Amino acid sequence: MFSPVARAVTIGIVLAVAIMKGWPLWQVDVNNAFLNGELTEEIFMDQPPGFEVLGSNGYKLVYKLNKALYGLRQASHAWFHTLRQFFVSKRRFHASQADPSLFIRVSSDSLLLLMAYVDDIVITGSSSIEVQASLQGLFLNQRKYVQEILHKTGMVDAAATPTPIVSMPKLVASDDSQPFADGHLYRSTVGMLQYMCITRPTLAFCINKLSQYMNSPSETYWRAIKRVLRYLNGTMDHGLFSAQGQFKLVCYFDADWASSLDNRQSTTGYVIYLGPNPIAWCSKKQIVVSRSFSEAEYRSLANCVFELLWIKQLLEEVGISMEQAPMVWCDNTSTVSMSANPTHHARVKHVEIIITLSERKCSMVLCKLILFHQLTKLLMCSPNPSLPNSLQIFGMLFKSQQKLFKRLKDQENVRERC
């Protein structure tokens, strides 16, 4: 039995809301948290060596636990249950339906939010405290954690690299390289790198890719990990910055059709912004093989909209109303057509269930699906300060590649696919 912990998306949302609302933030670390957990069942344990006491009849006695101990399987769950009972029954909080680790207290003139991650608690809310004008945002950085990873893997003095992964050649399950000698080191390093994705969205794709070969890693996969570590060594001061802005949800999603050379499964990727702040991002393989590029795109849309609906529910629970309908950006005309038209062609019957679910979720979220062509036209104009920096970078890359694509299109008569 494990303790529920706040989702990384919930943490990002609460921090973004606190910055955008100008609320103060407090962090609390509970000492010996598990020792405060109240047990709801009878648990007995052997006496520790050197402190054995025999009964009157000479038999060995055992201890009956009144509270949880560290090392007990139920300890974390008992601690969270005790914490929840305290906040709900004695402090008039209520647990969020979207995330049970988020506690909310609403009064006539204030709102208080409390997140629990085992024994770490983050508190924020509205109050009469004035925030100085110089406090423009919040910067999250894991520099110390990066140094720990580099020390563990012996990569402290490694040369930096500008990118975490190469596009070619692609990693495959079966290659000609030798098995990596220390499989435990590979798995533990990937596990540590997964926590880096909390503040480094740029690592989501490569870490997800490397996590697919935990069972039998090879030297090729370890070299890929070392490249990620060299990238971290050169970007140790990078992190996630949350700033003030308008309360509006914007999502960008895409799919890489049949990108896996092992089983031809597609890859889904999306990022969701609350104002100027990225609060949720994902890069993972789809669970089935898509038969067309449009199907892969639509499955990505479905995953994106489901996450968007959950975020909207969480924001409504903490009293945040959107200034406009959530906006979803897409680069595929077929996906936009299937979203808008309830009549499906025979060739997309195999994804009709997903399409129906997405349409219902889209109507519940009241989101607006926009073709990415409109965004590229916007990016071709002068830089727009209202767009995220990542899209500004995309605009510069798009401009630099437009002439090359036009030349290839003229020479080979290639049609532009959307």
Protein backbone atom coordinates (compact mmCIF):
# COMPACT_ATOMS: atom_id res chain seq x y z
CA MET A 1 0.00 0.00 0.00
CA PHE A 2 1.53 3.26 -1.12
CA SER A 3 0.76 6.88 -0.36
CA PRO A 4 -0.85 9.01 -3.08
CA VAL A 5 1.46 11.81 -4.19
CA ALA A 6 0.72 14.96 -6.13
CA ARG A 7 1.12 14.62 -9.89
CA ALA A 8 3.88 16.59 -11.55
CA VAL A 9 1.19 18.36 -13.60
CA THR A 10 -0.63 19.37 -10.40
CA ILE A 11 2.58 20.82 -8.98
CA GLY A 12 3.15 22.80 -12.18
CA ILE A 13 -0.42 24.10 -12.21
CA VAL A 14 -0.39 25.21 -8.57
CA LEU A 15 2.98 26.95 -8.93
CA ALA A 16 1.84 28.69 -12.13
CA VAL A 17 -1.42 29.83 -10.51
CA ALA A 18 0.47 31.12 -7.46
CA ILE A 19 2.83 33.19 -9.61
CA MET A 20 0.09 34.50 -11.91
CA LYS A 21 -2.08 35.44 -8.91
CA GLY A 22 0.83 36.89 -6.93
CA TRP A 23 0.34 34.50 -4.01
CA PRO A 24 3.13 33.65 -1.55
CA LEU A 25 4.56 30.13 -1.41
CA TRP A 26 5.64 28.08 1.62
CA GLN A 27 7.33 24.69 1.74
CA VAL A 28 7.10 22.42 4.78
CA ASP A 29 9.12 19.26 5.43
CA VAL A 30 7.63 17.00 8.12
CA ASN A 31 10.26 15.26 10.26
CA ASN A 32 9.67 11.57 11.00
CA ALA A 33 6.41 11.72 9.08
CA PHE A 34 5.74 7.98 8.96
CA LEU A 35 5.93 7.72 12.75
CA ASN A 36 2.77 9.84 12.96
CA GLY A 37 0.71 7.47 10.85
CA GLU A 38 -2.25 5.90 12.68
CA LEU A 39 -2.74 2.22 11.87
CA THR A 40 -6.24 0.98 11.04
CA GLU A 41 -5.41 -2.72 11.52
CA GLU A 42 -3.62 -4.84 14.07
CA ILE A 43 0.05 -5.39 13.23
CA PHE A 44 2.57 -7.34 15.33
CA MET A 45 6.35 -7.43 15.07
CA ASP A 46 9.20 -9.40 16.57
CA GLN A 47 11.21 -7.89 19.38
CA PRO A 48 14.47 -6.27 18.24
CA PRO A 49 17.68 -8.23 19.00
CA GLY A 50 19.06 -7.48 22.45
CA PHE A 51 15.68 -6.37 23.85
CA GLU A 52 13.85 -9.68 23.98
CA VAL A 53 11.47 -10.21 26.87
CA LEU A 54 9.93 -13.58 27.63
CA GLY A 55 6.47 -14.11 29.01
CA SER A 56 5.61 -15.65 32.34
CA ASN A 57 5.28 -19.02 30.66
CA GLY A 58 8.66 -18.71 28.96
CA TYR A 59 7.31 -18.05 25.49
CA LYS A 60 8.74 -15.29 23.31
CA LEU A 61 6.59 -12.16 23.20
CA VAL A 62 5.89 -9.85 20.25
CA TYR A 63 5.11 -6.16 19.99
CA LYS A 64 1.74 -4.77 18.91
CA LEU A 65 2.24 -1.55 16.95
CA ASN A 66 0.18 1.47 17.93
CA LYS A 67 1.62 3.62 15.14
CA ALA A 68 3.45 3.03 11.89
CA LEU A 69 7.20 2.52 11.62
CA TYR A 70 9.66 3.15 8.83
CA GLY A 71 10.03 0.01 6.76
CA LEU A 72 6.42 -1.02 7.31
CA ARG A 73 4.59 -1.66 4.06
CA GLN A 74 1.55 0.32 5.23
CA ALA A 75 3.58 3.23 6.64
CA SER A 76 3.22 5.69 3.76
CA HIS A 77 -0.48 4.96 3.33
CA ALA A 78 -1.12 5.32 7.07
CA TRP A 79 0.70 8.68 7.10
CA PHE A 80 -1.34 10.04 4.19
CA HIS A 81 -4.59 8.81 5.76
CA THR A 82 -3.71 10.56 9.04
CA LEU A 83 -2.74 13.75 7.19
CA ARG A 84 -5.95 13.69 5.16
CA GLN A 85 -8.11 13.14 8.25
CA PHE A 86 -6.45 16.09 9.99
CA PHE A 87 -6.95 18.55 7.14
CA VAL A 88 -10.47 17.44 6.22
CA SER A 89 -12.00 16.98 9.67
CA LYS A 90 -10.13 19.59 11.74
CA ARG A 91 -9.03 22.27 9.26
CA ARG A 92 -12.05 22.35 6.90
CA PHE A 93 -10.14 21.41 3.76
CA HIS A 94 -11.55 19.15 1.08
CA ALA A 95 -9.59 16.86 -1.20
CA SER A 96 -9.58 17.62 -4.90
CA GLN A 97 -11.51 15.19 -7.08
CA ALA A 98 -8.93 15.56 -9.83
CA ASP A 99 -5.94 14.89 -7.54
CA PRO A 100 -6.51 13.51 -4.01
CA SER A 101 -3.11 14.88 -2.89
CA LEU A 102 -4.32 18.47 -3.38
CA PHE A 103 -6.31 19.92 -0.49
CA ILE A 104 -8.44 23.04 -0.95
CA ARG A 105 -9.94 25.39 1.61
CA VAL A 106 -12.36 28.05 0.42
CA SER A 107 -13.73 30.86 2.57
CA SER A 108 -15.61 34.04 1.83
CA ASP A 109 -12.48 36.14 1.33
CA SER A 110 -9.60 33.71 0.72
CA LEU A 111 -8.50 30.47 -0.94
CA LEU A 112 -5.84 28.13 0.43
CA LEU A 113 -4.16 25.31 -1.52
CA LEU A 114 -2.03 22.57 0.00
CA MET A 115 -0.13 19.88 -1.91
CA ALA A 116 1.25 16.78 -0.23
CA TYR A 117 4.13 14.76 -1.67
CA VAL A 118 4.76 12.16 1.05
CA ASP A 119 6.41 14.29 3.80
CA ASP A 120 6.88 17.45 1.68
CA ILE A 121 4.03 19.96 1.71
CA VAL A 122 3.62 23.10 -0.42
CA ILE A 123 1.16 25.78 0.69
CA THR A 124 -0.11 28.79 -1.23
CA GLY A 125 -3.23 30.95 -1.40
CA SER A 126 -4.71 34.41 -1.42
CA SER A 127 -4.03 36.67 1.56
CA SER A 128 -3.42 40.30 2.43
CA ILE A 129 0.32 40.00 1.82
CA GLU A 130 1.49 42.33 -0.93
CA VAL A 131 3.86 40.96 -3.53
CA GLN A 132 6.68 43.25 -4.58
CA ALA A 133 6.68 44.37 -8.22
CA SER A 134 10.19 42.96 -8.65
CA LEU A 135 8.92 39.41 -8.13
CA GLN A 136 8.07 38.67 -11.76
CA GLY A 137 8.15 34.92 -11.64
CA LEU A 138 9.45 31.68 -10.21
CA PHE A 139 12.44 29.74 -11.54
CA LEU A 140 12.68 25.98 -10.89
CA ASN A 141 16.11 24.46 -11.29
CA GLN A 142 17.65 21.06 -10.46
CA ARG A 143 21.32 22.01 -10.63
CA LYS A 144 22.24 20.11 -7.46
CA TYR A 145 20.41 17.02 -8.68
CA VAL A 146 22.26 17.17 -12.01
CA GLN A 147 25.56 17.30 -10.16
CA GLU A 148 24.59 14.20 -8.18
CA ILE A 149 23.82 12.30 -11.40
CA LEU A 150 27.10 13.39 -12.99
CA HIS A 151 29.10 12.34 -9.91
CA LYS A 152 27.38 8.97 -9.80
CA THR A 153 28.13 8.23 -13.46
CA GLY A 154 31.62 9.77 -13.52
CA MET A 155 30.65 12.41 -16.09
CA VAL A 156 31.54 15.55 -14.14
CA ASP A 157 34.35 16.55 -16.50
CA ALA A 158 32.63 15.37 -19.68
CA ALA A 159 32.52 17.73 -22.67
CA ALA A 160 29.16 19.45 -23.18
CA THR A 161 26.94 18.79 -26.19
CA PRO A 162 24.19 21.09 -27.56
CA THR A 163 21.49 18.41 -27.98
CA PRO A 164 20.42 15.50 -25.75
CA ILE A 165 19.89 12.97 -28.55
CA VAL A 166 20.74 12.48 -32.23
CA SER A 167 18.02 12.05 -34.84
CA MET A 168 19.93 9.38 -36.78
CA PRO A 169 20.61 6.54 -36.39
CA LYS A 170 17.54 5.61 -34.38
CA LEU A 171 17.75 3.37 -31.35
CA VAL A 172 16.39 -0.15 -31.85
CA ALA A 173 15.87 -3.10 -29.52
CA SER A 174 18.26 -5.38 -31.39
CA ASP A 175 21.59 -4.00 -32.51
CA ASP A 176 25.09 -5.35 -33.03
CA SER A 177 26.63 -3.75 -29.96
CA GLN A 178 27.68 -5.66 -26.86
CA PRO A 179 25.39 -5.87 -23.80
CA PHE A 180 26.14 -3.20 -21.23
CA ALA A 181 27.99 -4.77 -18.30
CA ASP A 182 26.26 -2.86 -15.49
CA GLY A 183 22.52 -3.11 -16.09
CA HIS A 184 21.77 -1.76 -12.60
CA LEU A 185 23.70 1.44 -13.35
CA TYR A 186 21.75 1.90 -16.59
CA ARG A 187 18.37 1.45 -14.89
CA SER A 188 19.20 3.63 -11.90
CA THR A 189 20.54 6.41 -14.15
CA VAL A 190 17.42 6.39 -16.33
CA GLY A 191 15.31 6.44 -13.17
CA MET A 192 17.16 9.51 -11.93
CA LEU A 193 16.86 11.20 -15.31
CA GLN A 194 13.09 10.73 -15.29
CA TYR A 195 12.88 13.18 -12.39
CA MET A 196 14.74 15.73 -14.53
CA CYS A 197 11.70 15.91 -16.80
CA ILE A 198 9.86 17.76 -14.02
CA THR A 199 11.75 20.96 -14.88
CA ARG A 200 13.22 20.05 -18.29
CA PRO A 201 10.51 19.38 -20.91
CA THR A 202 13.21 19.10 -23.59
CA LEU A 203 14.29 15.78 -22.07
CA ALA A 204 10.85 14.14 -22.29
CA PHE A 205 11.40 12.44 -25.66
CA CYS A 206 14.91 11.10 -25.12
CA ILE A 207 14.22 9.85 -21.58
CA ASN A 208 11.07 8.09 -22.78
CA LYS A 209 13.08 6.48 -25.56
CA LEU A 210 15.86 5.29 -23.26
CA SER A 211 13.31 3.91 -20.80
CA GLN A 212 12.15 1.41 -23.42
CA TYR A 213 15.39 -0.61 -23.14
CA MET A 214 15.63 -1.14 -19.39
CA ASN A 215 15.44 -4.91 -19.63
CA SER A 216 18.57 -5.58 -21.67
CA PRO A 217 20.60 -2.41 -22.28
CA SER A 218 23.53 -2.44 -24.65
CA GLU A 219 26.60 -0.27 -25.11
CA THR A 220 24.72 1.75 -27.72
CA TYR A 221 22.04 2.71 -25.22
CA TRP A 222 24.64 3.63 -22.61
CA ARG A 223 26.37 5.91 -25.11
CA ALA A 224 22.99 7.57 -25.69
CA ILE A 225 22.65 8.13 -21.94
CA LYS A 226 26.14 9.62 -21.80
CA ARG A 227 25.11 12.10 -24.49
CA VAL A 228 22.15 13.15 -22.33
CA LEU A 229 24.52 13.59 -19.40
CA ARG A 230 26.88 15.72 -21.49
CA TYR A 231 23.90 17.85 -22.51
CA LEU A 232 22.96 18.30 -18.84
CA ASN A 233 26.56 19.21 -18.01
CA GLY A 234 26.37 22.09 -20.48
CA THR A 235 22.86 23.23 -19.49
CA MET A 236 23.08 22.82 -15.73
CA ASP A 237 21.62 26.27 -15.10
CA HIS A 238 18.57 25.69 -17.29
CA GLY A 239 15.18 25.17 -15.71
CA LEU A 240 11.51 26.07 -15.81
CA PHE A 241 10.37 29.67 -15.40
CA SER A 242 6.82 30.59 -14.38
CA ALA A 243 5.68 34.15 -14.99
CA GLN A 244 2.53 36.22 -14.71
CA GLY A 245 0.05 36.32 -17.56
CA GLN A 246 -3.52 35.72 -18.65
CA PHE A 247 -5.41 32.63 -17.53
CA LYS A 248 -5.87 30.78 -20.79
CA LEU A 249 -5.08 27.22 -21.84
CA VAL A 250 -3.19 26.61 -25.09
CA CYS A 251 -2.08 23.18 -26.26
CA TYR A 252 0.24 22.05 -29.08
CA PHE A 253 0.30 18.40 -30.10
CA ASP A 254 1.87 16.28 -32.81
CA ALA A 255 2.53 12.65 -33.74
CA ASP A 256 5.47 10.86 -35.31
CA TRP A 257 3.82 8.13 -37.37
CA ALA A 258 5.34 4.62 -37.21
CA SER A 259 8.54 6.07 -35.76
CA SER A 260 9.48 2.94 -33.80
CA LEU A 261 11.58 0.63 -35.97
CA ASP A 262 10.89 -2.28 -33.60
CA ASN A 263 7.08 -2.46 -33.85
CA ARG A 264 6.09 0.57 -35.94
CA GLN A 265 4.18 2.20 -33.13
CA SER A 266 3.78 5.96 -33.36
CA THR A 267 4.91 8.54 -30.83
CA THR A 268 2.59 11.07 -29.22
CA GLY A 269 3.81 14.45 -28.04
CA TYR A 270 2.04 17.46 -26.58
CA VAL A 271 2.62 20.47 -24.35
CA ILE A 272 -0.03 22.50 -22.53
CA TYR A 273 0.45 26.12 -21.48
CA LEU A 274 -1.39 28.04 -18.78
CA GLY A 275 -0.78 31.57 -19.93
CA PRO A 276 2.97 31.75 -20.70
CA ASN A 277 3.78 28.80 -18.42
CA PRO A 278 4.13 25.19 -19.60
CA ILE A 279 2.30 23.04 -17.04
CA ALA A 280 1.97 19.63 -18.75
CA TRP A 281 3.95 17.84 -21.42
CA CYS A 282 4.23 14.30 -22.66
CA SER A 283 6.19 12.18 -25.14
CA LYS A 284 5.36 8.48 -25.29
CA LYS A 285 4.63 5.62 -27.65
CA GLN A 286 1.03 4.96 -28.61
CA ILE A 287 -0.35 1.67 -27.33
CA VAL A 288 -1.47 0.42 -30.76
CA VAL A 289 -0.11 0.56 -34.30
CA SER A 290 -1.81 3.30 -36.30
CA ARG A 291 -2.72 2.41 -39.87
CA SER A 292 -2.40 5.95 -41.19
CA PHE A 293 -0.80 9.27 -40.38
CA SER A 294 -4.25 10.75 -39.68
CA GLU A 295 -5.02 8.02 -37.17
CA ALA A 296 -1.77 8.64 -35.33
CA GLU A 297 -2.50 12.38 -35.22
CA TYR A 298 -6.02 11.78 -33.95
CA ARG A 299 -4.85 9.48 -31.19
CA SER A 300 -2.47 12.25 -30.11
CA LEU A 301 -5.38 14.69 -30.14
CA ALA A 302 -7.40 12.33 -27.95
CA ASN A 303 -4.60 12.05 -25.36
CA CYS A 304 -4.12 15.81 -25.41
CA VAL A 305 -7.82 16.59 -24.95
CA PHE A 306 -8.19 14.10 -22.10
CA GLU A 307 -5.32 15.77 -20.25
CA LEU A 308 -6.77 19.19 -21.06
CA LEU A 309 -10.11 18.16 -19.58
CA TRP A 310 -8.43 16.99 -16.38
CA ILE A 311 -6.50 20.27 -16.08
CA LYS A 312 -9.68 22.29 -16.63
CA GLN A 313 -11.42 20.33 -13.88
CA LEU A 314 -8.53 20.95 -11.48
CA LEU A 315 -8.48 24.68 -12.26
CA GLU A 316 -12.21 24.94 -11.66
CA GLU A 317 -11.77 23.27 -8.27
CA VAL A 318 -9.26 25.90 -7.19
CA GLY A 319 -11.53 28.70 -8.38
CA ILE A 320 -9.75 29.65 -11.62
CA SER A 321 -12.01 30.59 -14.54
CA MET A 322 -10.60 30.72 -18.06
CA GLU A 323 -10.69 34.00 -19.93
CA GLN A 324 -11.36 32.15 -23.20
CA ALA A 325 -11.99 28.64 -24.46
CA PRO A 326 -8.93 26.35 -24.47
CA MET A 327 -7.11 26.41 -27.81
CA VAL A 328 -5.53 23.35 -29.42
CA TRP A 329 -3.06 23.76 -32.30
CA CYS A 330 -2.82 21.02 -34.93
CA ASP A 331 -0.78 20.57 -38.15
CA ASN A 332 -2.98 17.97 -39.87
CA THR A 333 -6.02 18.85 -42.00
CA SER A 334 -7.54 15.36 -41.71
CA THR A 335 -7.55 15.58 -37.92
CA VAL A 336 -9.28 18.96 -38.04
CA SER A 337 -11.86 17.60 -40.51
CA MET A 338 -12.61 14.52 -38.41
CA SER A 339 -12.98 16.70 -35.32
CA ALA A 340 -15.45 19.02 -37.02
CA ASN A 341 -17.42 16.54 -39.14
CA PRO A 342 -19.50 13.86 -37.33
CA THR A 343 -19.78 11.82 -40.53
CA HIS A 344 -16.83 9.46 -40.80
CA HIS A 345 -15.52 7.90 -43.97
CA ALA A 346 -15.20 4.12 -44.14
CA ARG A 347 -11.44 4.30 -44.01
CA VAL A 348 -11.48 5.75 -40.50
CA LYS A 349 -14.08 3.40 -39.00
CA HIS A 350 -11.37 1.63 -37.03
CA VAL A 351 -10.79 4.79 -35.00
CA GLU A 352 -14.44 5.78 -34.73
CA ILE A 353 -14.56 5.09 -30.98
CA ILE A 354 -11.59 7.36 -30.34
CA ILE A 355 -13.08 10.03 -32.62
CA THR A 356 -16.42 9.87 -30.80
CA LEU A 357 -14.73 10.13 -27.40
CA SER A 358 -12.57 13.03 -28.56
CA GLU A 359 -15.58 14.87 -29.95
CA ARG A 360 -17.43 14.48 -26.67
CA LYS A 361 -14.40 15.58 -24.66
CA CYS A 362 -13.83 18.53 -27.00
CA SER A 363 -17.42 19.61 -26.48
CA MET A 364 -17.02 19.24 -22.70
CA VAL A 365 -13.82 21.30 -22.74
CA LEU A 366 -15.21 23.70 -25.34
CA CYS A 367 -11.79 23.87 -26.92
CA LYS A 368 -10.95 25.31 -30.31
CA LEU A 369 -8.93 23.16 -32.69
CA ILE A 370 -6.86 25.33 -35.02
CA LEU A 371 -4.90 24.26 -38.05
CA PHE A 372 -1.18 24.76 -37.57
CA HIS A 373 -0.93 26.44 -41.00
CA GLN A 374 -2.41 29.56 -39.42
CA LEU A 375 0.37 29.48 -36.83
CA THR A 376 3.10 29.14 -39.45
CA LYS A 377 1.68 32.13 -41.32
CA LEU A 378 1.72 34.07 -38.08
CA LEU A 379 5.31 33.06 -37.40
CA MET A 380 6.40 34.17 -40.88
CA CYS A 381 5.56 37.73 -39.88
CA SER A 382 7.53 39.82 -37.41
CA PRO A 383 8.26 38.24 -33.99
CA ASN A 384 5.19 38.23 -31.77
CA PRO A 385 5.94 38.79 -28.07
CA SER A 386 2.66 37.08 -27.10
CA LEU A 387 3.86 33.70 -28.40
CA PRO A 388 5.99 31.32 -26.31
CA ASN A 389 9.74 31.36 -26.94
CA SER A 390 9.62 27.82 -28.30
CA LEU A 391 7.31 28.96 -31.09
CA GLN A 392 9.51 31.95 -31.85
CA ILE A 393 12.41 29.51 -32.29
CA PHE A 394 10.20 27.34 -34.49
CA GLY A 395 9.42 30.40 -36.60
CA MET A 396 13.11 31.10 -37.22
CA LEU A 397 13.73 27.46 -38.11
CA PHE A 398 10.71 27.47 -40.38
CA LYS A 399 11.98 30.53 -42.24
CA SER A 400 15.41 28.99 -42.73
CA GLN A 401 13.96 25.76 -44.11
CA GLN A 402 11.27 27.29 -46.34
CA LYS A 403 13.57 28.00 -49.28
CA LEU A 404 15.07 24.52 -49.13
CA PHE A 405 11.65 22.90 -49.10
CA LYS A 406 10.49 25.06 -52.00
CA ARG A 407 13.51 24.02 -54.06
CA LEU A 408 12.88 20.34 -53.36
CA LYS A 409 9.24 20.81 -54.18
CA ASP A 410 10.08 22.35 -57.55
CA GLN A 411 12.63 19.66 -58.41
CA GLU A 412 10.73 16.58 -57.34
CA ASN A 413 7.17 17.88 -57.59
CA VAL A 414 6.57 16.99 -53.96
CA ARG A 415 3.22 17.83 -52.53
CA GLU A 416 3.09 19.37 -49.13
CA ARG A 417 1.45 16.99 -46.67
CA CYS A 418 -0.50 18.35 -43.74
